[in-house]
Amino acid sequence: MNHHRLLILALAFGVALLPACAALKKQPATPTPPTNAAPAPIAPAPLPPMTGQVSVEQFIATMVTKHGFQRAALVELFAKVQPRERIIQIMTAPAEGKPWNKYRPIFVNDARIEGGVQFWRDNAPALAHAERQYGVPAEIIVAIIGVETRYGGNMGSFPVIDALATLAFDYPPRADYFRSELEQFLLLTREEHLDPLAPKGSYAGAMGEAQFMPSSYRQYSVDFDGDGKRDLWQSTSDAIGSVANYLSGYGWQREQPIATLARVYGNDYQATLDQKLTKPQRTIAQFKDAGVVAETCLENQRLAMLVRLELDQGQEFWLGLDNFYVITRYNHSARYAMAVYQLSQEILVRHQHLTNGAK
């Protein structure tokens, strides 16, 4: 009896197991990974949709009470905003983090120099007008537009509202700043009668040939071509005038130097290398006392900052003056300001050569 019951149980289990075994045989065997194989990359978690986030709801409430926006319209708008993981990835590794010997070739190269000369020739009247009105040299305006967008060739492909909202609500390190810029953007689109979903820009929400952030667009953009609107996407003249107005607004000094190479002696100069980018505070005389000597003649009381740049072999030093600091207000980086300055000088030399040769 017991033997018979065992036989029945065995048959029952055998029949039950057959389908499972058959299913296993139909699937290819999983190869055993080598012991030294790198772990598979973990995909970043998708960003949550904008609707339903507490911070988004709070922002909408602020726009309603502070600026009179319609809540229903903003709820409908943010339902269409797409969080962009790629923007977060780019923000963590900007070009400004590269050493100078890797950063400079991105912006100071034959293509941007030649492009700058052609841009100058194509827009000479607007550049001359801007230089007269604001005191900013044409080559500096050209170089900034060249560094920012390759003379309008790359104004960015991200919807501005997606970029700003992603950084405002999903990038805690700078959320306050980008929330403020998102506020400014919505005000700008209302003032300029723009569809908030339409404008395209950089991963950080900068717009047009001049790559203005919304707050800068509202404060410094100008209608330089006289058509009754400020358009940094379609009007190169507006972009030129707006760049000049921006630099002027931050204190550009007409017909004053920007930067000069310097030599350093001893070790005292190291104490003059500021860890943070601040407005020039030391005089040329003080730098001389610390073993820093400008390669061009400058007044002893002129203020400057010391900039150290990494080369393929060794390093070099520059003294950046007040106008150099003004360029850093466009992008808070000494490398950025130096790229603009050096590109501007290359463009100036080549433009002068062509202009003199045409006479």
Protein backbone atom coordinates (compact mmCIF):
# COMPACT_ATOMS: atom_id res chain seq x y z
CA MET A 1 0.00 0.00 0.00
CA ASN A 2 2.76 2.38 0.94
CA HIS A 3 4.71 1.37 -2.15
CA HIS A 4 1.66 1.99 -4.31
CA ARG A 5 1.11 5.44 -2.79
CA LEU A 6 4.75 6.40 -3.37
CA LEU A 7 4.46 5.36 -7.01
CA ILE A 8 1.36 7.52 -7.45
CA LEU A 9 3.10 10.53 -5.86
CA ALA A 10 6.17 10.05 -8.04
CA LEU A 11 4.06 9.94 -11.18
CA ALA A 12 2.13 12.97 -10.08
CA PHE A 13 5.28 15.04 -9.52
CA GLY A 14 6.78 13.82 -12.77
CA VAL A 15 3.79 14.92 -14.78
CA ALA A 16 3.67 18.22 -12.97
CA LEU A 17 7.33 18.91 -13.68
CA LEU A 18 7.32 18.10 -17.39
CA PRO A 19 5.79 21.37 -18.68
CA ALA A 20 8.22 23.47 -16.66
CA CYS A 21 11.22 21.53 -17.92
CA ALA A 22 10.02 21.82 -21.49
CA ALA A 23 9.67 25.55 -21.13
CA LEU A 24 13.20 25.81 -19.81
CA LYS A 25 14.58 23.80 -22.74
CA LYS A 26 13.05 26.25 -25.21
CA GLN A 27 15.11 29.18 -23.80
CA PRO A 28 18.81 29.58 -24.56
CA ALA A 29 21.16 29.05 -21.70
CA THR A 30 22.32 32.25 -20.00
CA PRO A 31 26.10 32.55 -20.32
CA THR A 32 28.01 33.04 -17.13
CA PRO A 33 29.60 36.50 -17.20
CA PRO A 34 33.38 36.63 -16.80
CA THR A 35 34.48 37.44 -13.30
CA ASN A 36 36.29 40.64 -14.44
CA ALA A 37 33.35 42.03 -16.44
CA ALA A 38 32.39 45.61 -15.61
CA PRO A 39 28.96 45.99 -14.02
CA ALA A 40 26.24 47.07 -16.38
CA PRO A 41 25.62 50.85 -16.16
CA ILE A 42 22.58 51.78 -14.14
CA ALA A 43 20.20 53.97 -16.10
CA PRO A 44 19.21 57.13 -14.23
CA ALA A 45 15.75 57.09 -12.77
CA PRO A 46 13.33 58.98 -15.03
CA LEU A 47 12.43 62.42 -13.81
CA PRO A 48 8.89 62.76 -12.47
CA PRO A 49 6.30 64.68 -14.51
CA MET A 50 5.81 68.31 -13.59
CA THR A 51 2.14 67.97 -12.72
CA GLY A 52 1.56 66.91 -9.15
CA GLN A 53 4.92 68.03 -7.79
CA VAL A 54 4.53 70.13 -4.66
CA SER A 55 7.24 72.54 -5.76
CA VAL A 56 5.54 73.06 -9.12
CA GLU A 57 2.20 73.70 -7.46
CA GLN A 58 3.84 76.23 -5.15
CA PHE A 59 5.47 77.95 -8.13
CA ILE A 60 2.15 78.16 -9.96
CA ALA A 61 0.51 79.64 -6.87
CA THR A 62 3.25 82.27 -6.67
CA MET A 63 2.84 83.23 -10.33
CA VAL A 64 -0.91 83.61 -9.79
CA THR A 65 -0.69 85.78 -6.66
CA LYS A 66 2.42 87.74 -7.57
CA HIS A 67 1.93 88.33 -11.30
CA GLY A 68 -1.75 87.68 -12.00
CA PHE A 69 -1.35 84.57 -14.16
CA GLN A 70 -4.35 82.27 -14.57
CA ARG A 71 -3.91 79.10 -12.55
CA ALA A 72 -5.75 76.88 -15.03
CA ALA A 73 -3.54 78.10 -17.89
CA LEU A 74 -0.37 77.37 -15.95
CA VAL A 75 -1.57 73.92 -14.90
CA GLU A 76 -2.29 73.17 -18.56
CA LEU A 77 1.13 74.55 -19.55
CA PHE A 78 3.13 72.50 -17.07
CA ALA A 79 1.26 69.36 -18.09
CA LYS A 80 3.01 69.80 -21.47
CA VAL A 81 6.48 70.50 -20.03
CA GLN A 82 8.91 67.60 -20.47
CA PRO A 83 11.58 67.03 -17.80
CA ARG A 84 14.92 66.38 -19.52
CA GLU A 85 17.41 63.98 -17.92
CA ARG A 86 20.01 64.99 -20.52
CA ILE A 87 20.01 68.53 -19.12
CA ILE A 88 20.94 67.29 -15.65
CA GLN A 89 23.77 65.24 -17.17
CA ILE A 90 25.20 68.24 -19.04
CA MET A 91 24.94 70.49 -15.99
CA THR A 92 27.22 68.18 -14.03
CA ALA A 93 30.07 68.46 -16.58
CA PRO A 94 30.12 71.93 -18.21
CA ALA A 95 32.94 72.97 -20.53
CA GLU A 96 34.09 75.59 -18.00
CA GLY A 97 35.33 72.73 -15.83
CA LYS A 98 37.98 71.80 -18.40
CA PRO A 99 41.60 72.98 -17.95
CA TRP A 100 42.63 75.86 -20.19
CA ASN A 101 44.64 73.74 -22.60
CA LYS A 102 41.48 71.70 -23.31
CA TYR A 103 39.04 74.61 -23.07
CA ARG A 104 40.80 77.09 -25.37
CA PRO A 105 40.78 74.99 -28.57
CA ILE A 106 37.00 74.65 -28.35
CA PHE A 107 36.54 78.39 -28.85
CA VAL A 108 39.76 79.85 -30.22
CA ASN A 109 40.31 78.09 -33.52
CA ASP A 110 40.44 78.88 -37.23
CA ALA A 111 36.75 78.19 -37.81
CA ARG A 112 35.62 80.68 -35.17
CA ILE A 113 38.21 83.24 -36.22
CA GLU A 114 37.20 83.06 -39.89
CA GLY A 115 33.56 83.00 -38.90
CA GLY A 116 34.09 86.07 -36.77
CA VAL A 117 35.73 88.00 -39.58
CA GLN A 118 32.84 87.17 -41.90
CA PHE A 119 30.27 88.05 -39.22
CA TRP A 120 32.00 91.42 -38.77
CA ARG A 121 31.96 92.10 -42.49
CA ASP A 122 28.29 91.09 -42.76
CA ASN A 123 27.21 93.24 -39.81
CA ALA A 124 29.67 96.13 -39.91
CA PRO A 125 27.09 98.97 -39.62
CA ALA A 126 25.37 97.47 -36.55
CA LEU A 127 28.72 96.72 -34.88
CA ALA A 128 30.00 100.25 -35.53
CA HIS A 129 26.74 101.69 -34.17
CA ALA A 130 26.98 99.54 -31.02
CA GLU A 131 30.62 100.52 -30.46
CA ARG A 132 29.77 104.21 -30.74
CA GLN A 133 26.72 103.99 -28.50
CA TYR A 134 28.00 101.67 -25.76
CA GLY A 135 31.77 101.91 -26.01
CA VAL A 136 32.24 98.15 -26.41
CA PRO A 137 34.73 97.22 -29.18
CA ALA A 138 33.24 95.44 -32.16
CA GLU A 139 35.68 92.53 -31.81
CA ILE A 140 34.47 91.82 -28.27
CA ILE A 141 30.82 91.76 -29.38
CA VAL A 142 31.73 89.47 -32.29
CA ALA A 143 33.76 87.14 -30.07
CA ILE A 144 31.00 86.76 -27.49
CA ILE A 145 28.45 85.84 -30.17
CA GLY A 146 31.05 83.50 -31.66
CA VAL A 147 31.71 81.73 -28.37
CA GLU A 148 28.03 81.60 -27.45
CA THR A 149 26.41 80.39 -30.68
CA ARG A 150 29.05 80.21 -33.44
CA TYR A 151 27.56 83.42 -34.88
CA GLY A 152 24.01 82.19 -34.69
CA GLY A 153 24.77 78.73 -36.03
CA ASN A 154 23.88 76.94 -32.80
CA MET A 155 21.33 78.69 -30.62
CA GLY A 156 20.29 75.52 -28.82
CA SER A 157 17.66 72.87 -29.42
CA PHE A 158 16.03 72.45 -26.00
CA PRO A 159 12.61 73.97 -25.41
CA VAL A 160 13.48 76.80 -23.04
CA ILE A 161 10.64 76.03 -20.67
CA ASP A 162 11.70 72.37 -20.45
CA ALA A 163 15.27 73.39 -19.62
CA LEU A 164 14.31 75.96 -17.01
CA ALA A 165 11.65 73.78 -15.38
CA THR A 166 13.97 70.75 -15.24
CA LEU A 167 16.64 72.78 -13.48
CA ALA A 168 14.13 74.62 -11.29
CA PHE A 169 12.45 71.51 -9.94
CA ASP A 170 14.87 68.61 -10.48
CA TYR A 171 18.32 70.13 -9.92
CA PRO A 172 18.58 71.11 -6.23
CA PRO A 173 22.09 72.69 -6.36
CA ARG A 174 20.76 75.67 -8.35
CA ALA A 175 17.01 75.31 -8.03
CA ASP A 176 16.46 78.80 -6.59
CA TYR A 177 18.30 80.49 -9.44
CA PHE A 178 16.49 78.59 -12.18
CA ARG A 179 13.12 79.00 -10.49
CA SER A 180 13.71 82.74 -10.65
CA GLU A 181 14.69 82.47 -14.32
CA LEU A 182 11.57 80.41 -15.03
CA GLU A 183 9.53 83.20 -13.46
CA GLN A 184 11.30 85.74 -15.66
CA PHE A 185 10.75 83.57 -18.73
CA LEU A 186 7.00 83.42 -18.21
CA LEU A 187 6.91 87.18 -17.73
CA LEU A 188 8.98 87.63 -20.90
CA THR A 189 6.72 85.44 -23.01
CA ARG A 190 3.69 87.35 -21.76
CA GLU A 191 5.31 90.72 -22.52
CA GLU A 192 6.57 89.69 -25.95
CA HIS A 193 3.41 87.70 -26.84
CA LEU A 194 5.31 84.43 -27.28
CA ASP A 195 4.02 80.89 -26.90
CA PRO A 196 5.94 79.63 -23.81
CA LEU A 197 6.36 76.21 -25.44
CA ALA A 198 7.90 77.58 -28.65
CA PRO A 199 11.29 79.21 -27.83
CA LYS A 200 14.36 76.97 -28.13
CA GLY A 201 17.64 77.56 -26.37
CA SER A 202 20.56 76.02 -24.51
CA TYR A 203 20.46 73.30 -21.87
CA ALA A 204 20.45 76.10 -19.27
CA GLY A 205 17.65 78.07 -20.90
CA ALA A 206 19.79 80.74 -22.61
CA MET A 207 18.21 82.20 -25.71
CA GLY A 208 19.00 83.60 -29.15
CA GLU A 209 22.26 84.57 -30.83
CA ALA A 210 23.37 86.32 -27.65
CA GLN A 211 22.28 83.44 -25.37
CA PHE A 212 20.58 85.66 -22.82
CA MET A 213 18.95 84.17 -19.78
CA PRO A 214 15.36 85.37 -19.32
CA SER A 215 16.24 87.97 -16.66
CA SER A 216 18.97 89.40 -18.89
CA TYR A 217 16.65 89.32 -21.90
CA ARG A 218 14.09 91.41 -20.02
CA GLN A 219 16.66 93.85 -18.64
CA TYR A 220 19.30 94.25 -21.34
CA SER A 221 17.94 93.22 -24.74
CA VAL A 222 17.28 96.14 -27.08
CA ASP A 223 15.42 96.78 -30.29
CA PHE A 224 18.53 97.73 -32.25
CA ASP A 225 17.06 97.43 -35.74
CA GLY A 226 14.06 99.64 -34.96
CA ASP A 227 11.34 97.18 -35.94
CA GLY A 228 9.45 97.63 -32.67
CA LYS A 229 10.42 94.34 -30.98
CA ARG A 230 13.37 92.75 -29.24
CA ASP A 231 14.16 89.55 -31.10
CA LEU A 232 17.42 87.78 -30.29
CA TRP A 233 16.58 84.80 -32.52
CA GLN A 234 15.81 86.48 -35.84
CA SER A 235 17.52 89.88 -35.58
CA THR A 236 21.32 89.85 -35.54
CA SER A 237 21.26 93.62 -35.05
CA ASP A 238 19.21 93.20 -31.88
CA ALA A 239 21.70 90.60 -30.66
CA ILE A 240 24.66 92.90 -31.35
CA GLY A 241 23.09 95.87 -29.58
CA SER A 242 21.95 93.71 -26.68
CA VAL A 243 25.43 92.25 -26.06
CA ALA A 244 26.90 95.75 -26.03
CA ASN A 245 24.14 97.05 -23.75
CA TYR A 246 24.68 94.12 -21.38
CA LEU A 247 28.42 94.75 -21.03
CA SER A 248 27.83 98.47 -20.69
CA GLY A 249 25.28 97.81 -17.97
CA TYR A 250 27.88 95.86 -16.01
CA GLY A 251 30.38 98.71 -16.15
CA TRP A 252 32.36 98.38 -19.38
CA GLN A 253 34.98 101.14 -19.55
CA ARG A 254 35.28 102.71 -22.97
CA GLU A 255 38.74 102.51 -24.62
CA GLN A 256 40.33 100.81 -21.62
CA PRO A 257 42.52 97.66 -21.67
CA ILE A 258 41.16 94.21 -20.90
CA ALA A 259 44.03 91.89 -19.99
CA THR A 260 47.78 91.46 -20.32
CA LEU A 261 50.28 88.66 -19.97
CA ALA A 262 52.33 88.74 -16.79
CA ARG A 263 55.51 87.23 -15.38
CA VAL A 264 55.77 85.93 -11.83
CA TYR A 265 58.83 85.75 -9.58
CA GLY A 266 59.31 83.96 -6.29
CA ASN A 267 56.37 82.50 -4.37
CA ASP A 268 54.58 85.55 -2.96
CA TYR A 269 52.36 85.77 -6.07
CA GLN A 270 50.48 82.66 -4.93
CA ALA A 271 48.75 84.66 -2.22
CA THR A 272 47.26 86.92 -4.92
CA LEU A 273 45.55 84.06 -6.76
CA ASP A 274 41.98 84.45 -5.56
CA GLN A 275 40.08 81.21 -5.05
CA LYS A 276 36.82 82.88 -6.05
CA LEU A 277 36.12 85.07 -9.05
CA THR A 278 35.79 88.56 -7.59
CA LYS A 279 36.02 92.09 -8.91
CA PRO A 280 39.65 93.28 -9.18
CA GLN A 281 40.82 94.57 -5.80
CA ARG A 282 44.63 94.71 -5.98
CA THR A 283 46.58 97.43 -7.73
CA ILE A 284 49.32 96.87 -10.27
CA ALA A 285 51.74 98.27 -7.65
CA GLN A 286 50.62 95.64 -5.14
CA PHE A 287 51.09 92.91 -7.71
CA LYS A 288 54.61 94.16 -8.39
CA ASP A 289 55.37 93.91 -4.68
CA ALA A 290 54.15 90.29 -4.81
CA GLY A 291 56.40 89.45 -7.76
CA VAL A 292 53.83 89.84 -10.55
CA VAL A 293 54.92 92.08 -13.44
CA ALA A 294 52.69 92.99 -16.37
CA GLU A 295 54.22 92.65 -19.82
CA THR A 296 52.56 95.90 -20.95
CA CYS A 297 52.79 99.28 -19.29
CA LEU A 298 49.91 99.88 -16.86
CA GLU A 299 49.33 102.57 -14.26
CA ASN A 300 50.35 101.52 -10.75
CA GLN A 301 46.91 102.33 -9.33
CA ARG A 302 44.95 100.32 -11.91
CA LEU A 303 43.08 97.37 -10.38
CA ALA A 304 43.57 93.83 -11.66
CA MET A 305 43.12 90.14 -10.89
CA LEU A 306 45.72 87.42 -11.43
CA VAL A 307 44.66 84.51 -13.65
CA ARG A 308 46.65 81.28 -13.94
CA LEU A 309 46.06 79.12 -17.01
CA GLU A 310 47.13 75.52 -17.61
CA LEU A 311 49.16 74.87 -20.77
CA ASP A 312 50.21 71.58 -22.37
CA GLN A 313 53.60 72.28 -20.87
CA GLY A 314 53.58 74.41 -17.74
CA GLN A 315 51.33 77.41 -17.13
CA GLU A 316 50.96 81.08 -17.94
CA PHE A 317 49.74 84.09 -16.00
CA TRP A 318 47.54 87.00 -17.00
CA LEU A 319 46.41 90.15 -15.28
CA GLY A 320 42.70 90.70 -15.92
CA LEU A 321 41.53 94.30 -15.56
CA ASP A 322 38.08 95.75 -14.89
CA ASN A 323 36.83 95.10 -18.42
CA PHE A 324 38.00 91.49 -18.14
CA TYR A 325 35.84 91.14 -15.04
CA VAL A 326 32.89 92.63 -16.93
CA ILE A 327 33.17 89.82 -19.50
CA THR A 328 32.92 87.29 -16.66
CA ARG A 329 29.48 88.72 -15.87
CA TYR A 330 28.35 87.08 -19.10
CA ASN A 331 29.60 83.72 -17.87
CA HIS A 332 31.15 83.52 -14.41
CA SER A 333 34.41 81.95 -15.51
CA ALA A 334 37.89 83.41 -16.01
CA ARG A 335 38.48 80.81 -18.74
CA TYR A 336 35.38 82.02 -20.56
CA ALA A 337 36.51 85.65 -20.38
CA MET A 338 39.98 84.71 -21.59
CA ALA A 339 38.56 82.71 -24.50
CA VAL A 340 36.44 85.71 -25.52
CA TYR A 341 39.40 88.06 -25.21
CA GLN A 342 41.86 85.89 -27.15
CA LEU A 343 39.32 85.10 -29.86
CA SER A 344 38.53 88.80 -30.18
CA GLN A 345 42.20 89.66 -30.71
CA GLU A 346 42.62 86.99 -33.37
CA ILE A 347 39.51 88.24 -35.16
CA LEU A 348 40.69 91.85 -34.91
CA VAL A 349 44.09 91.12 -36.41
CA ARG A 350 42.65 89.14 -39.32
CA HIS A 351 39.87 91.67 -39.93
CA GLN A 352 42.38 94.53 -40.00
CA HIS A 353 44.60 92.59 -42.39
CA LEU A 354 41.73 92.04 -44.81
CA THR A 355 40.49 95.61 -44.47
CA ASN A 356 43.95 97.09 -45.06
CA GLY A 357 44.53 94.74 -47.96
CA ALA A 358 41.30 95.88 -49.61
CA LYS A 359 42.41 99.53 -49.58
